[in-house]
Amino acid sequence: MAEEEKKRYTIDDVARELGISKTTVSRAISGKGRISRATRERVLACIDQHDYRPNAIAKGLAQNKTYNIGLLMPDDYTEIDFPFFKECMSGICEKAAQHNYDIIISMVDGKELTQLQRMISNRKVDGVIVSRSLANSTVQKYLQEKKVPFVAIGTPEEEDSSLIWIDNQNREGCRELTGILLMKGLKRLALLGGNRSHLVTKSRRQGFEDAHDDYHVRTDGNLIFMDMNSYTKVAAAVEKILESGADGIVCMDDYIANMLLGCLRERNVKIPQEIRVASLYDSTMLEYSIPSVTSLHFNTRSLGMNACRLLLEQLGEPVEGEYVPLNYQVILRESTK
């Protein structure tokens, strides 16, 4: 009995035990081809009894699938982006594994598509998830031309009914957090932003400006600083912000906020007594900083899961259950008291 339990069943074993051909077993597994319902039920019962798992390559050939999903990552991503991509990828991998798909990661920069072209021309994947929408990206156009099923994570720059995309409620969340600061009586908010070519940067800036419109407070262009990708740039921006008499600083992500805290400590600027600080993206880095920073928390893992689900549905996979709501939460902490 122990030897039988350890034996790994193959398609040959199933065919031999039932006295049918391997082709019939293959048809029963794939659900394609002419085969009686009774025979298919016998095959599936045998498979279930012996815990047989069809070889992924053989199954793929039978169904004209690779059971691989391509995940396109920006090759210029930095430690600023790492927490987002880590959580998002975790959700994608979890949902893919539930449907016996594997993930193949490819790095692209939005213009140089050699790796993506090789992946598609060699038919290594059944579909693609674009992990971040870039302004003027050629990735989506290429995938559309090749008629490859794909899902984009990130709000598209232009409305396109043919594009399937999903995103966090970045603009809405940033609007709410900024509005809370304005409601507290702050009048001169500075904004430290990320890479201006990223569409998420545009969404966050729009939310920041929406809140100012809601409260009839004019934004000061001299207090908006973009492409804050280094401590030196943040430090230079801080000098101008402090000279201007700003009463609050909003950072577009946790990495920028962490650099800002360092700059303010160097200058002995007290938070929140002298200036208030908030981030439009949360992380444990901000939760345990001194002082802890008011932030906007998104369920990024669920974003990845929902993106993968959208792609699996395009691929014709039966996906059960509901989509996970992509809500956000404003977390008020010490930095804005």
C-alpha atoms as a PDB file:
ATOM      1  CA  MET A   1       0.000   0.000   0.000  1.00  0.00           C
ATOM      2  CA  ALA A   2       2.845   2.393   0.855  1.00  0.00           C
ATOM      3  CA  GLU A   3       4.469   1.785  -2.553  1.00  0.00           C
ATOM      4  CA  GLU A   4       1.145   2.398  -4.343  1.00  0.00           C
ATOM      5  CA  GLU A   5       0.642   5.662  -2.456  1.00  0.00           C
ATOM      6  CA  LYS A   6       4.115   6.859  -3.419  1.00  0.00           C
ATOM      7  CA  LYS A   7       3.728   5.939  -7.089  1.00  0.00           C
ATOM      8  CA  ARG A   8       3.268   8.904  -9.370  1.00  0.00           C
ATOM      9  CA  TYR A   9       0.544   8.153 -11.890  1.00  0.00           C
ATOM     10  CA  THR A  10       1.025   9.015 -15.537  1.00  0.00           C
ATOM     11  CA  ILE A  11      -1.367   9.219 -18.462  1.00  0.00           C
ATOM     12  CA  ASP A  12      -0.165   5.729 -19.487  1.00  0.00           C
ATOM     13  CA  ASP A  13      -1.191   4.337 -16.089  1.00  0.00           C
ATOM     14  CA  VAL A  14      -4.656   5.883 -16.334  1.00  0.00           C
ATOM     15  CA  ALA A  15      -5.164   4.523 -19.871  1.00  0.00           C
ATOM     16  CA  ARG A  16      -3.910   1.052 -18.907  1.00  0.00           C
ATOM     17  CA  GLU A  17      -6.098   0.833 -15.803  1.00  0.00           C
ATOM     18  CA  LEU A  18      -9.254   1.830 -17.684  1.00  0.00           C
ATOM     19  CA  GLY A  19      -8.450  -0.127 -20.853  1.00  0.00           C
ATOM     20  CA  ILE A  20      -8.654   2.904 -23.123  1.00  0.00           C
ATOM     21  CA  SER A  21      -6.206   4.842 -25.286  1.00  0.00           C
ATOM     22  CA  LYS A  22      -4.017   7.706 -24.128  1.00  0.00           C
ATOM     23  CA  THR A  23      -5.788   9.901 -26.677  1.00  0.00           C
ATOM     24  CA  THR A  24      -9.098   9.232 -24.955  1.00  0.00           C
ATOM     25  CA  VAL A  25      -7.594  10.122 -21.574  1.00  0.00           C
ATOM     26  CA  SER A  26      -6.171  13.330 -23.046  1.00  0.00           C
ATOM     27  CA  ARG A  27      -9.553  14.268 -24.499  1.00  0.00           C
ATOM     28  CA  ALA A  28     -11.242  13.650 -21.159  1.00  0.00           C
ATOM     29  CA  ILE A  29      -8.721  15.906 -19.404  1.00  0.00           C
ATOM     30  CA  SER A  30      -8.890  18.731 -21.952  1.00  0.00           C
ATOM     31  CA  GLY A  31     -12.636  18.513 -22.488  1.00  0.00           C
ATOM     32  CA  LYS A  32     -12.104  18.596 -26.240  1.00  0.00           C
ATOM     33  CA  GLY A  33     -12.752  16.014 -28.899  1.00  0.00           C
ATOM     34  CA  ARG A  34     -15.449  13.370 -29.254  1.00  0.00           C
ATOM     35  CA  ILE A  35     -15.814  11.316 -26.091  1.00  0.00           C
ATOM     36  CA  SER A  36     -18.842   9.974 -24.217  1.00  0.00           C
ATOM     37  CA  ARG A  37     -19.887  11.525 -20.952  1.00  0.00           C
ATOM     38  CA  ALA A  38     -19.610   8.159 -19.191  1.00  0.00           C
ATOM     39  CA  THR A  39     -16.014   7.662 -20.353  1.00  0.00           C
ATOM     40  CA  ARG A  40     -15.026  11.151 -19.324  1.00  0.00           C
ATOM     41  CA  GLU A  41     -16.508  10.590 -15.872  1.00  0.00           C
ATOM     42  CA  ARG A  42     -14.560   7.308 -15.533  1.00  0.00           C
ATOM     43  CA  VAL A  43     -11.326   9.055 -16.454  1.00  0.00           C
ATOM     44  CA  LEU A  44     -11.896  11.950 -14.052  1.00  0.00           C
ATOM     45  CA  ALA A  45     -12.821   9.533 -11.255  1.00  0.00           C
ATOM     46  CA  CYS A  46      -9.606   7.578 -11.802  1.00  0.00           C
ATOM     47  CA  ILE A  47      -7.575  10.777 -11.841  1.00  0.00           C
ATOM     48  CA  ASP A  48      -9.170  11.900  -8.597  1.00  0.00           C
ATOM     49  CA  GLN A  49      -8.638   8.511  -6.945  1.00  0.00           C
ATOM     50  CA  HIS A  50      -4.925   8.395  -7.732  1.00  0.00           C
ATOM     51  CA  ASP A  51      -4.316  12.135  -7.395  1.00  0.00           C
ATOM     52  CA  TYR A  52      -2.986  12.252 -10.945  1.00  0.00           C
ATOM     53  CA  ARG A  53      -1.691  15.627 -12.107  1.00  0.00           C
ATOM     54  CA  PRO A  54      -1.399  16.028 -15.892  1.00  0.00           C
ATOM     55  CA  ASN A  55       2.016  17.111 -17.099  1.00  0.00           C
ATOM     56  CA  ALA A  56       1.815  20.885 -17.616  1.00  0.00           C
ATOM     57  CA  ILE A  57       3.568  20.770 -20.999  1.00  0.00           C
ATOM     58  CA  ALA A  58       1.392  17.937 -22.283  1.00  0.00           C
ATOM     59  CA  LYS A  59      -1.735  19.647 -21.017  1.00  0.00           C
ATOM     60  CA  GLY A  60      -0.652  22.884 -22.639  1.00  0.00           C
ATOM     61  CA  LEU A  61      -0.061  21.194 -25.997  1.00  0.00           C
ATOM     62  CA  ALA A  62      -3.480  19.550 -25.812  1.00  0.00           C
ATOM     63  CA  GLN A  63      -5.190  22.888 -25.150  1.00  0.00           C
ATOM     64  CA  ASN A  64      -2.822  25.081 -27.183  1.00  0.00           C
ATOM     65  CA  LYS A  65      -1.732  26.887 -24.016  1.00  0.00           C
ATOM     66  CA  THR A  66       1.536  27.472 -22.203  1.00  0.00           C
ATOM     67  CA  TYR A  67      -0.032  28.054 -18.776  1.00  0.00           C
ATOM     68  CA  ASN A  68       2.394  30.935 -18.375  1.00  0.00           C
ATOM     69  CA  ILE A  69       1.571  34.596 -17.765  1.00  0.00           C
ATOM     70  CA  GLY A  70       4.043  37.336 -18.603  1.00  0.00           C
ATOM     71  CA  LEU A  71       4.523  40.044 -15.979  1.00  0.00           C
ATOM     72  CA  LEU A  72       6.162  43.161 -17.417  1.00  0.00           C
ATOM     73  CA  MET A  73       8.213  45.128 -14.919  1.00  0.00           C
ATOM     74  CA  PRO A  74       9.763  48.551 -15.642  1.00  0.00           C
ATOM     75  CA  ASP A  75      13.514  48.148 -15.900  1.00  0.00           C
ATOM     76  CA  ASP A  76      14.024  51.551 -14.285  1.00  0.00           C
ATOM     77  CA  TYR A  77      12.188  50.676 -11.085  1.00  0.00           C
ATOM     78  CA  THR A  78      14.013  51.689  -7.935  1.00  0.00           C
ATOM     79  CA  GLU A  79      13.696  51.148  -4.209  1.00  0.00           C
ATOM     80  CA  ILE A  80      10.997  53.823  -4.341  1.00  0.00           C
ATOM     81  CA  ASP A  81       8.765  51.418  -6.253  1.00  0.00           C
ATOM     82  CA  PHE A  82       9.786  48.184  -4.550  1.00  0.00           C
ATOM     83  CA  PRO A  83       7.075  47.993  -1.834  1.00  0.00           C
ATOM     84  CA  PHE A  84       4.334  48.502  -4.436  1.00  0.00           C
ATOM     85  CA  PHE A  85       5.691  45.935  -6.884  1.00  0.00           C
ATOM     86  CA  LYS A  86       6.365  43.402  -4.139  1.00  0.00           C
ATOM     87  CA  GLU A  87       2.782  43.515  -2.853  1.00  0.00           C
ATOM     88  CA  CYS A  88       1.260  43.614  -6.319  1.00  0.00           C
ATOM     89  CA  MET A  89       3.368  40.698  -7.567  1.00  0.00           C
ATOM     90  CA  SER A  90       2.435  38.672  -4.510  1.00  0.00           C
ATOM     91  CA  GLY A  91      -1.245  39.040  -5.373  1.00  0.00           C
ATOM     92  CA  ILE A  92      -0.653  38.176  -9.034  1.00  0.00           C
ATOM     93  CA  CYS A  93       1.315  35.040  -8.174  1.00  0.00           C
ATOM     94  CA  GLU A  94      -1.298  33.877  -5.663  1.00  0.00           C
ATOM     95  CA  LYS A  95      -4.172  34.170  -8.118  1.00  0.00           C
ATOM     96  CA  ALA A  96      -2.152  32.605 -10.959  1.00  0.00           C
ATOM     97  CA  ALA A  97      -1.158  29.630  -8.796  1.00  0.00           C
ATOM     98  CA  GLN A  98      -4.811  28.995  -7.940  1.00  0.00           C
ATOM     99  CA  HIS A  99      -5.384  28.281 -11.646  1.00  0.00           C
ATOM    100  CA  ASN A 100      -2.122  26.388 -12.279  1.00  0.00           C
ATOM    101  CA  TYR A 101      -0.414  29.234 -14.134  1.00  0.00           C
ATOM    102  CA  ASP A 102       3.207  30.281 -13.669  1.00  0.00           C
ATOM    103  CA  ILE A 103       4.608  33.794 -13.917  1.00  0.00           C
ATOM    104  CA  ILE A 104       7.426  34.809 -16.279  1.00  0.00           C
ATOM    105  CA  ILE A 105       8.920  38.225 -15.472  1.00  0.00           C
ATOM    106  CA  SER A 106      10.286  40.435 -18.230  1.00  0.00           C
ATOM    107  CA  MET A 107      11.879  43.867 -17.816  1.00  0.00           C
ATOM    108  CA  VAL A 108      10.907  46.633 -20.237  1.00  0.00           C
ATOM    109  CA  ASP A 109      11.426  50.384 -20.337  1.00  0.00           C
ATOM    110  CA  GLY A 110       8.370  51.333 -22.388  1.00  0.00           C
ATOM    111  CA  LYS A 111      10.379  51.854 -25.573  1.00  0.00           C
ATOM    112  CA  GLU A 112      12.897  49.011 -25.894  1.00  0.00           C
ATOM    113  CA  LEU A 113      10.719  45.931 -26.396  1.00  0.00           C
ATOM    114  CA  THR A 114      13.277  43.248 -27.296  1.00  0.00           C
ATOM    115  CA  GLN A 115      12.517  40.980 -24.329  1.00  0.00           C
ATOM    116  CA  LEU A 116       8.778  41.364 -24.782  1.00  0.00           C
ATOM    117  CA  GLN A 117       9.009  40.684 -28.515  1.00  0.00           C
ATOM    118  CA  ARG A 118      11.043  37.546 -27.870  1.00  0.00           C
ATOM    119  CA  MET A 119       8.525  36.361 -25.286  1.00  0.00           C
ATOM    120  CA  ILE A 120       5.615  36.832 -27.687  1.00  0.00           C
ATOM    121  CA  SER A 121       7.276  35.547 -30.875  1.00  0.00           C
ATOM    122  CA  ASN A 122       8.407  32.367 -29.076  1.00  0.00           C
ATOM    123  CA  ARG A 123       4.900  31.883 -27.665  1.00  0.00           C
ATOM    124  CA  LYS A 124       6.142  31.605 -24.118  1.00  0.00           C
ATOM    125  CA  VAL A 125       3.020  33.118 -22.540  1.00  0.00           C
ATOM    126  CA  ASP A 126      -0.748  33.055 -22.997  1.00  0.00           C
ATOM    127  CA  GLY A 127      -1.242  36.628 -21.823  1.00  0.00           C
ATOM    128  CA  VAL A 128       0.519  39.576 -20.226  1.00  0.00           C
ATOM    129  CA  ILE A 129       0.113  41.846 -17.208  1.00  0.00           C
ATOM    130  CA  VAL A 130       1.689  45.285 -17.641  1.00  0.00           C
ATOM    131  CA  SER A 131       2.655  46.233 -14.101  1.00  0.00           C
ATOM    132  CA  ARG A 132       2.749  49.997 -14.580  1.00  0.00           C
ATOM    133  CA  SER A 133       1.318  52.294 -17.223  1.00  0.00           C
ATOM    134  CA  LEU A 134       3.933  54.671 -18.590  1.00  0.00           C
ATOM    135  CA  ALA A 135       3.133  57.892 -20.409  1.00  0.00           C
ATOM    136  CA  ASN A 136       3.570  57.432 -24.175  1.00  0.00           C
ATOM    137  CA  SER A 137       4.357  53.743 -23.694  1.00  0.00           C
ATOM    138  CA  THR A 138       4.625  51.578 -26.806  1.00  0.00           C
ATOM    139  CA  VAL A 139       4.037  48.373 -24.828  1.00  0.00           C
ATOM    140  CA  GLN A 140       0.241  48.456 -25.034  1.00  0.00           C
ATOM    141  CA  LYS A 141       0.305  49.301 -28.734  1.00  0.00           C
ATOM    142  CA  TYR A 142       2.596  46.377 -29.465  1.00  0.00           C
ATOM    143  CA  LEU A 143       0.432  43.929 -27.522  1.00  0.00           C
ATOM    144  CA  GLN A 144      -2.695  45.209 -29.267  1.00  0.00           C
ATOM    145  CA  GLU A 145      -1.076  44.830 -32.688  1.00  0.00           C
ATOM    146  CA  LYS A 146      -0.072  41.248 -31.868  1.00  0.00           C
ATOM    147  CA  LYS A 147      -3.553  40.555 -30.433  1.00  0.00           C
ATOM    148  CA  VAL A 148      -2.068  39.303 -27.169  1.00  0.00           C
ATOM    149  CA  PRO A 149      -4.512  39.274 -24.214  1.00  0.00           C
ATOM    150  CA  PHE A 150      -3.254  41.691 -21.596  1.00  0.00           C
ATOM    151  CA  VAL A 151      -4.244  43.786 -18.604  1.00  0.00           C
ATOM    152  CA  ALA A 152      -2.629  47.088 -17.664  1.00  0.00           C
ATOM    153  CA  ILE A 153      -2.192  48.074 -14.030  1.00  0.00           C
ATOM    154  CA  GLY A 154      -2.585  51.823 -13.912  1.00  0.00           C
ATOM    155  CA  THR A 155      -4.995  54.422 -15.263  1.00  0.00           C
ATOM    156  CA  PRO A 156      -4.488  54.927 -19.026  1.00  0.00           C
ATOM    157  CA  GLU A 157      -3.439  58.342 -20.269  1.00  0.00           C
ATOM    158  CA  GLU A 158      -6.292  58.450 -22.776  1.00  0.00           C
ATOM    159  CA  GLU A 159      -9.701  56.797 -22.833  1.00  0.00           C
ATOM    160  CA  ASP A 160      -9.587  53.591 -24.861  1.00  0.00           C
ATOM    161  CA  SER A 161     -12.549  51.229 -24.736  1.00  0.00           C
ATOM    162  CA  SER A 162     -10.403  48.388 -26.084  1.00  0.00           C
ATOM    163  CA  LEU A 163      -7.911  48.617 -23.210  1.00  0.00           C
ATOM    164  CA  ILE A 164      -8.530  46.471 -20.130  1.00  0.00           C
ATOM    165  CA  TRP A 165      -6.976  48.093 -17.086  1.00  0.00           C
ATOM    166  CA  ILE A 166      -7.265  48.247 -13.325  1.00  0.00           C
ATOM    167  CA  ASP A 167      -5.872  50.625 -10.738  1.00  0.00           C
ATOM    168  CA  ASN A 168      -6.062  51.765  -7.148  1.00  0.00           C
ATOM    169  CA  GLN A 169      -8.229  54.796  -6.482  1.00  0.00           C
ATOM    170  CA  ASN A 170      -5.172  57.040  -6.482  1.00  0.00           C
ATOM    171  CA  ARG A 171      -6.826  60.283  -7.512  1.00  0.00           C
ATOM    172  CA  GLU A 172      -9.777  59.822  -5.155  1.00  0.00           C
ATOM    173  CA  GLY A 173      -7.601  58.839  -2.196  1.00  0.00           C
ATOM    174  CA  CYS A 174      -5.155  61.702  -2.690  1.00  0.00           C
ATOM    175  CA  ARG A 175      -8.066  64.100  -2.986  1.00  0.00           C
ATOM    176  CA  GLU A 176      -9.475  62.911   0.344  1.00  0.00           C
ATOM    177  CA  LEU A 177      -6.196  62.994   2.272  1.00  0.00           C
ATOM    178  CA  THR A 178      -5.290  66.451   0.948  1.00  0.00           C
ATOM    179  CA  GLY A 179      -8.806  67.631   1.726  1.00  0.00           C
ATOM    180  CA  ILE A 180      -8.429  66.533   5.342  1.00  0.00           C
ATOM    181  CA  LEU A 181      -5.274  68.641   5.658  1.00  0.00           C
ATOM    182  CA  LEU A 182      -7.010  71.668   4.160  1.00  0.00           C
ATOM    183  CA  MET A 183      -9.986  71.096   6.453  1.00  0.00           C
ATOM    184  CA  LYS A 184      -7.550  71.245   9.400  1.00  0.00           C
ATOM    185  CA  GLY A 185      -6.801  74.812   8.356  1.00  0.00           C
ATOM    186  CA  LEU A 186      -3.575  74.373   6.356  1.00  0.00           C
ATOM    187  CA  LYS A 187      -3.368  76.920   3.548  1.00  0.00           C
ATOM    188  CA  ARG A 188       0.058  76.511   1.951  1.00  0.00           C
ATOM    189  CA  LEU A 189       0.728  72.882   1.117  1.00  0.00           C
ATOM    190  CA  ALA A 190       3.874  71.880  -0.753  1.00  0.00           C
ATOM    191  CA  LEU A 191       3.927  68.750  -2.921  1.00  0.00           C
ATOM    192  CA  LEU A 192       6.959  66.507  -3.432  1.00  0.00           C
ATOM    193  CA  GLY A 193       6.265  64.257  -6.429  1.00  0.00           C
ATOM    194  CA  GLY A 194       7.829  61.310  -8.180  1.00  0.00           C
ATOM    195  CA  ASN A 195       8.706  60.606 -11.798  1.00  0.00           C
ATOM    196  CA  ARG A 196       6.509  62.880 -13.875  1.00  0.00           C
ATOM    197  CA  SER A 197       6.386  60.375 -16.772  1.00  0.00           C
ATOM    198  CA  HIS A 198       4.525  57.841 -14.608  1.00  0.00           C
ATOM    199  CA  LEU A 199       0.768  58.009 -14.894  1.00  0.00           C
ATOM    200  CA  VAL A 200       0.332  57.304 -11.187  1.00  0.00           C
ATOM    201  CA  THR A 201       2.244  60.522 -10.522  1.00  0.00           C
ATOM    202  CA  LYS A 202      -0.244  62.420 -12.651  1.00  0.00           C
ATOM    203  CA  SER A 203      -3.195  60.818 -10.846  1.00  0.00           C
ATOM    204  CA  ARG A 204      -1.802  61.758  -7.446  1.00  0.00           C
ATOM    205  CA  ARG A 205      -1.137  65.329  -8.504  1.00  0.00           C
ATOM    206  CA  GLN A 206      -4.659  65.603  -9.899  1.00  0.00           C
ATOM    207  CA  GLY A 207      -6.073  64.429  -6.560  1.00  0.00           C
ATOM    208  CA  PHE A 208      -3.949  67.016  -4.741  1.00  0.00           C
ATOM    209  CA  GLU A 209      -5.241  69.779  -7.012  1.00  0.00           C
ATOM    210  CA  ASP A 210      -8.857  68.510  -6.861  1.00  0.00           C
ATOM    211  CA  ALA A 211      -8.863  68.935  -3.085  1.00  0.00           C
ATOM    212  CA  HIS A 212      -7.639  72.520  -3.400  1.00  0.00           C
ATOM    213  CA  ASP A 213     -10.480  73.247  -5.824  1.00  0.00           C
ATOM    214  CA  ASP A 214     -12.956  71.653  -3.399  1.00  0.00           C
ATOM    215  CA  TYR A 215     -11.859  73.974  -0.589  1.00  0.00           C
ATOM    216  CA  HIS A 216     -11.291  77.018  -2.830  1.00  0.00           C
ATOM    217  CA  VAL A 217      -7.622  77.177  -1.928  1.00  0.00           C
ATOM    218  CA  ARG A 218      -5.191  78.164  -4.672  1.00  0.00           C
ATOM    219  CA  THR A 219      -2.238  75.860  -5.318  1.00  0.00           C
ATOM    220  CA  ASP A 220       1.153  77.535  -5.524  1.00  0.00           C
ATOM    221  CA  GLY A 221       3.206  76.266  -8.470  1.00  0.00           C
ATOM    222  CA  ASN A 222       6.372  77.322  -6.638  1.00  0.00           C
ATOM    223  CA  LEU A 223       5.572  74.739  -3.959  1.00  0.00           C
ATOM    224  CA  ILE A 224       5.226  71.795  -6.345  1.00  0.00           C
ATOM    225  CA  PHE A 225       8.412  69.798  -6.934  1.00  0.00           C
ATOM    226  CA  MET A 226       8.537  66.762  -9.233  1.00  0.00           C
ATOM    227  CA  ASP A 227      11.114  64.026  -9.936  1.00  0.00           C
ATOM    228  CA  MET A 228      12.187  63.857  -6.290  1.00  0.00           C
ATOM    229  CA  ASN A 229      14.332  60.741  -6.730  1.00  0.00           C
ATOM    230  CA  SER A 230      17.315  61.649  -4.556  1.00  0.00           C
ATOM    231  CA  TYR A 231      18.090  63.062  -1.136  1.00  0.00           C
ATOM    232  CA  THR A 232      19.899  66.001  -2.740  1.00  0.00           C
ATOM    233  CA  LYS A 233      16.813  67.025  -4.723  1.00  0.00           C
ATOM    234  CA  VAL A 234      14.551  66.680  -1.702  1.00  0.00           C
ATOM    235  CA  ALA A 235      16.950  68.750   0.414  1.00  0.00           C
ATOM    236  CA  ALA A 236      16.986  71.533  -2.181  1.00  0.00           C
ATOM    237  CA  ALA A 237      13.200  71.511  -2.327  1.00  0.00           C
ATOM    238  CA  VAL A 238      12.953  71.633   1.472  1.00  0.00           C
ATOM    239  CA  GLU A 239      15.076  74.797   1.585  1.00  0.00           C
ATOM    240  CA  LYS A 240      12.637  76.561  -0.767  1.00  0.00           C
ATOM    241  CA  ILE A 241       9.597  75.196   1.061  1.00  0.00           C
ATOM    242  CA  LEU A 242      10.776  76.421   4.460  1.00  0.00           C
ATOM    243  CA  GLU A 243      11.696  79.837   3.054  1.00  0.00           C
ATOM    244  CA  SER A 244       8.215  80.157   1.531  1.00  0.00           C
ATOM    245  CA  GLY A 245       6.452  79.699   4.862  1.00  0.00           C
ATOM    246  CA  ALA A 246       4.545  76.540   3.855  1.00  0.00           C
ATOM    247  CA  ASP A 247       2.550  74.969   6.677  1.00  0.00           C
ATOM    248  CA  GLY A 248       2.487  71.405   5.318  1.00  0.00           C
ATOM    249  CA  ILE A 249       4.263  69.055   2.925  1.00  0.00           C
ATOM    250  CA  VAL A 250       2.545  66.248   1.028  1.00  0.00           C
ATOM    251  CA  CYS A 251       4.790  63.521  -0.403  1.00  0.00           C
ATOM    252  CA  MET A 252       3.633  61.263  -3.216  1.00  0.00           C
ATOM    253  CA  ASP A 253       5.096  58.094  -1.706  1.00  0.00           C
ATOM    254  CA  ASP A 254       6.715  56.635   1.388  1.00  0.00           C
ATOM    255  CA  TYR A 255      10.259  56.769   0.001  1.00  0.00           C
ATOM    256  CA  ILE A 256      10.078  60.513  -0.645  1.00  0.00           C
ATOM    257  CA  ALA A 257       8.463  61.008   2.769  1.00  0.00           C
ATOM    258  CA  ASN A 258      11.323  59.151   4.458  1.00  0.00           C
ATOM    259  CA  MET A 259      13.899  61.364   2.725  1.00  0.00           C
ATOM    260  CA  LEU A 260      11.888  64.422   3.745  1.00  0.00           C
ATOM    261  CA  LEU A 261      11.925  63.369   7.400  1.00  0.00           C
ATOM    262  CA  GLY A 262      15.716  63.116   7.249  1.00  0.00           C
ATOM    263  CA  CYS A 263      16.023  66.584   5.729  1.00  0.00           C
ATOM    264  CA  LEU A 264      13.760  68.131   8.364  1.00  0.00           C
ATOM    265  CA  ARG A 265      15.676  66.416  11.190  1.00  0.00           C
ATOM    266  CA  GLU A 266      18.936  67.847   9.863  1.00  0.00           C
ATOM    267  CA  ARG A 267      17.408  71.316  10.093  1.00  0.00           C
ATOM    268  CA  ASN A 268      15.873  70.683  13.531  1.00  0.00           C
ATOM    269  CA  VAL A 269      12.404  71.369  12.159  1.00  0.00           C
ATOM    270  CA  LYS A 270       9.804  69.922  14.524  1.00  0.00           C
ATOM    271  CA  ILE A 271       6.924  67.838  13.148  1.00  0.00           C
ATOM    272  CA  PRO A 272       4.031  68.609  13.491  1.00  0.00           C
ATOM    273  CA  GLN A 273       4.665  71.695  15.639  1.00  0.00           C
ATOM    274  CA  GLU A 274       6.429  73.682  12.900  1.00  0.00           C
ATOM    275  CA  ILE A 275       5.249  71.896   9.778  1.00  0.00           C
ATOM    276  CA  ARG A 276       2.949  68.967   9.051  1.00  0.00           C
ATOM    277  CA  VAL A 277       3.811  66.031   6.817  1.00  0.00           C
ATOM    278  CA  ALA A 278       1.725  63.441   4.962  1.00  0.00           C
ATOM    279  CA  SER A 279       2.353  60.721   2.369  1.00  0.00           C
ATOM    280  CA  LEU A 280       0.084  59.600  -0.466  1.00  0.00           C
ATOM    281  CA  TYR A 281       1.333  56.014  -0.101  1.00  0.00           C
ATOM    282  CA  ASP A 282       1.725  54.100   3.141  1.00  0.00           C
ATOM    283  CA  SER A 283       4.267  51.549   4.386  1.00  0.00           C
ATOM    284  CA  THR A 284       5.637  50.205   7.658  1.00  0.00           C
ATOM    285  CA  MET A 285       8.525  52.625   7.134  1.00  0.00           C
ATOM    286  CA  LEU A 286       6.142  55.495   7.892  1.00  0.00           C
ATOM    287  CA  GLU A 287       4.146  53.722  10.568  1.00  0.00           C
ATOM    288  CA  TYR A 288       7.233  53.265  12.757  1.00  0.00           C
ATOM    289  CA  SER A 289       9.071  56.472  11.907  1.00  0.00           C
ATOM    290  CA  ILE A 290       9.422  59.206  14.526  1.00  0.00           C
ATOM    291  CA  PRO A 291       6.980  60.826  14.338  1.00  0.00           C
ATOM    292  CA  SER A 292       4.693  58.368  12.565  1.00  0.00           C
ATOM    293  CA  VAL A 293       3.408  59.806   9.278  1.00  0.00           C
ATOM    294  CA  THR A 294      -0.185  60.310   8.148  1.00  0.00           C
ATOM    295  CA  SER A 295      -0.563  58.219   5.009  1.00  0.00           C
ATOM    296  CA  LEU A 296      -2.871  56.746   2.405  1.00  0.00           C
ATOM    297  CA  HIS A 297      -3.086  52.958   2.534  1.00  0.00           C
ATOM    298  CA  PHE A 298      -4.071  50.874  -0.510  1.00  0.00           C
ATOM    299  CA  ASN A 299      -4.704  47.131  -0.723  1.00  0.00           C
ATOM    300  CA  THR A 300      -2.048  46.588  -3.376  1.00  0.00           C
ATOM    301  CA  ARG A 301      -2.021  42.808  -2.994  1.00  0.00           C
ATOM    302  CA  SER A 302      -5.690  42.754  -3.974  1.00  0.00           C
ATOM    303  CA  LEU A 303      -4.877  44.987  -6.939  1.00  0.00           C
ATOM    304  CA  GLY A 304      -2.507  42.292  -8.211  1.00  0.00           C
ATOM    305  CA  MET A 305      -5.038  39.532  -7.610  1.00  0.00           C
ATOM    306  CA  ASN A 306      -7.763  41.412  -9.476  1.00  0.00           C
ATOM    307  CA  ALA A 307      -5.438  42.185 -12.378  1.00  0.00           C
ATOM    308  CA  CYS A 308      -4.562  38.497 -12.725  1.00  0.00           C
ATOM    309  CA  ARG A 309      -8.232  37.570 -12.495  1.00  0.00           C
ATOM    310  CA  LEU A 310      -9.074  39.952 -15.351  1.00  0.00           C
ATOM    311  CA  LEU A 311      -6.425  38.298 -17.507  1.00  0.00           C
ATOM    312  CA  LEU A 312      -7.497  34.756 -16.604  1.00  0.00           C
ATOM    313  CA  GLU A 313     -11.043  35.628 -17.667  1.00  0.00           C
ATOM    314  CA  GLN A 314      -9.706  36.828 -21.018  1.00  0.00           C
ATOM    315  CA  LEU A 315      -7.929  33.500 -21.348  1.00  0.00           C
ATOM    316  CA  GLY A 316     -11.209  31.666 -20.885  1.00  0.00           C
ATOM    317  CA  GLU A 317     -10.472  30.318 -17.415  1.00  0.00           C
ATOM    318  CA  PRO A 318     -13.442  29.779 -15.079  1.00  0.00           C
ATOM    319  CA  VAL A 319     -12.710  32.080 -12.142  1.00  0.00           C
ATOM    320  CA  GLU A 320     -14.970  31.705  -9.142  1.00  0.00           C
ATOM    321  CA  GLY A 321     -15.726  34.197  -6.407  1.00  0.00           C
ATOM    322  CA  GLU A 322     -15.979  37.962  -6.335  1.00  0.00           C
ATOM    323  CA  TYR A 323     -13.441  40.646  -7.120  1.00  0.00           C
ATOM    324  CA  VAL A 324     -11.725  41.986  -4.004  1.00  0.00           C
ATOM    325  CA  PRO A 325     -12.815  45.624  -3.412  1.00  0.00           C
ATOM    326  CA  LEU A 326      -9.954  48.055  -4.042  1.00  0.00           C
ATOM    327  CA  ASN A 327     -10.647  50.397  -1.176  1.00  0.00           C
ATOM    328  CA  TYR A 328      -8.242  52.829   0.429  1.00  0.00           C
ATOM    329  CA  GLN A 329      -7.849  54.141   3.959  1.00  0.00           C
ATOM    330  CA  VAL A 330      -6.565  57.470   5.215  1.00  0.00           C
ATOM    331  CA  ILE A 331      -4.449  56.730   8.297  1.00  0.00           C
ATOM    332  CA  LEU A 332      -4.062  59.788  10.524  1.00  0.00           C
ATOM    333  CA  ARG A 333      -0.878  59.714  12.580  1.00  0.00           C
ATOM    334  CA  GLU A 334       1.336  62.033  14.648  1.00  0.00           C
ATOM    335  CA  SER A 335       2.765  64.035  11.743  1.00  0.00           C
ATOM    336  CA  THR A 336      -0.459  65.981  11.142  1.00  0.00           C
ATOM    337  CA  LYS A 337      -1.781  66.434  14.681  1.00  0.00           C
END
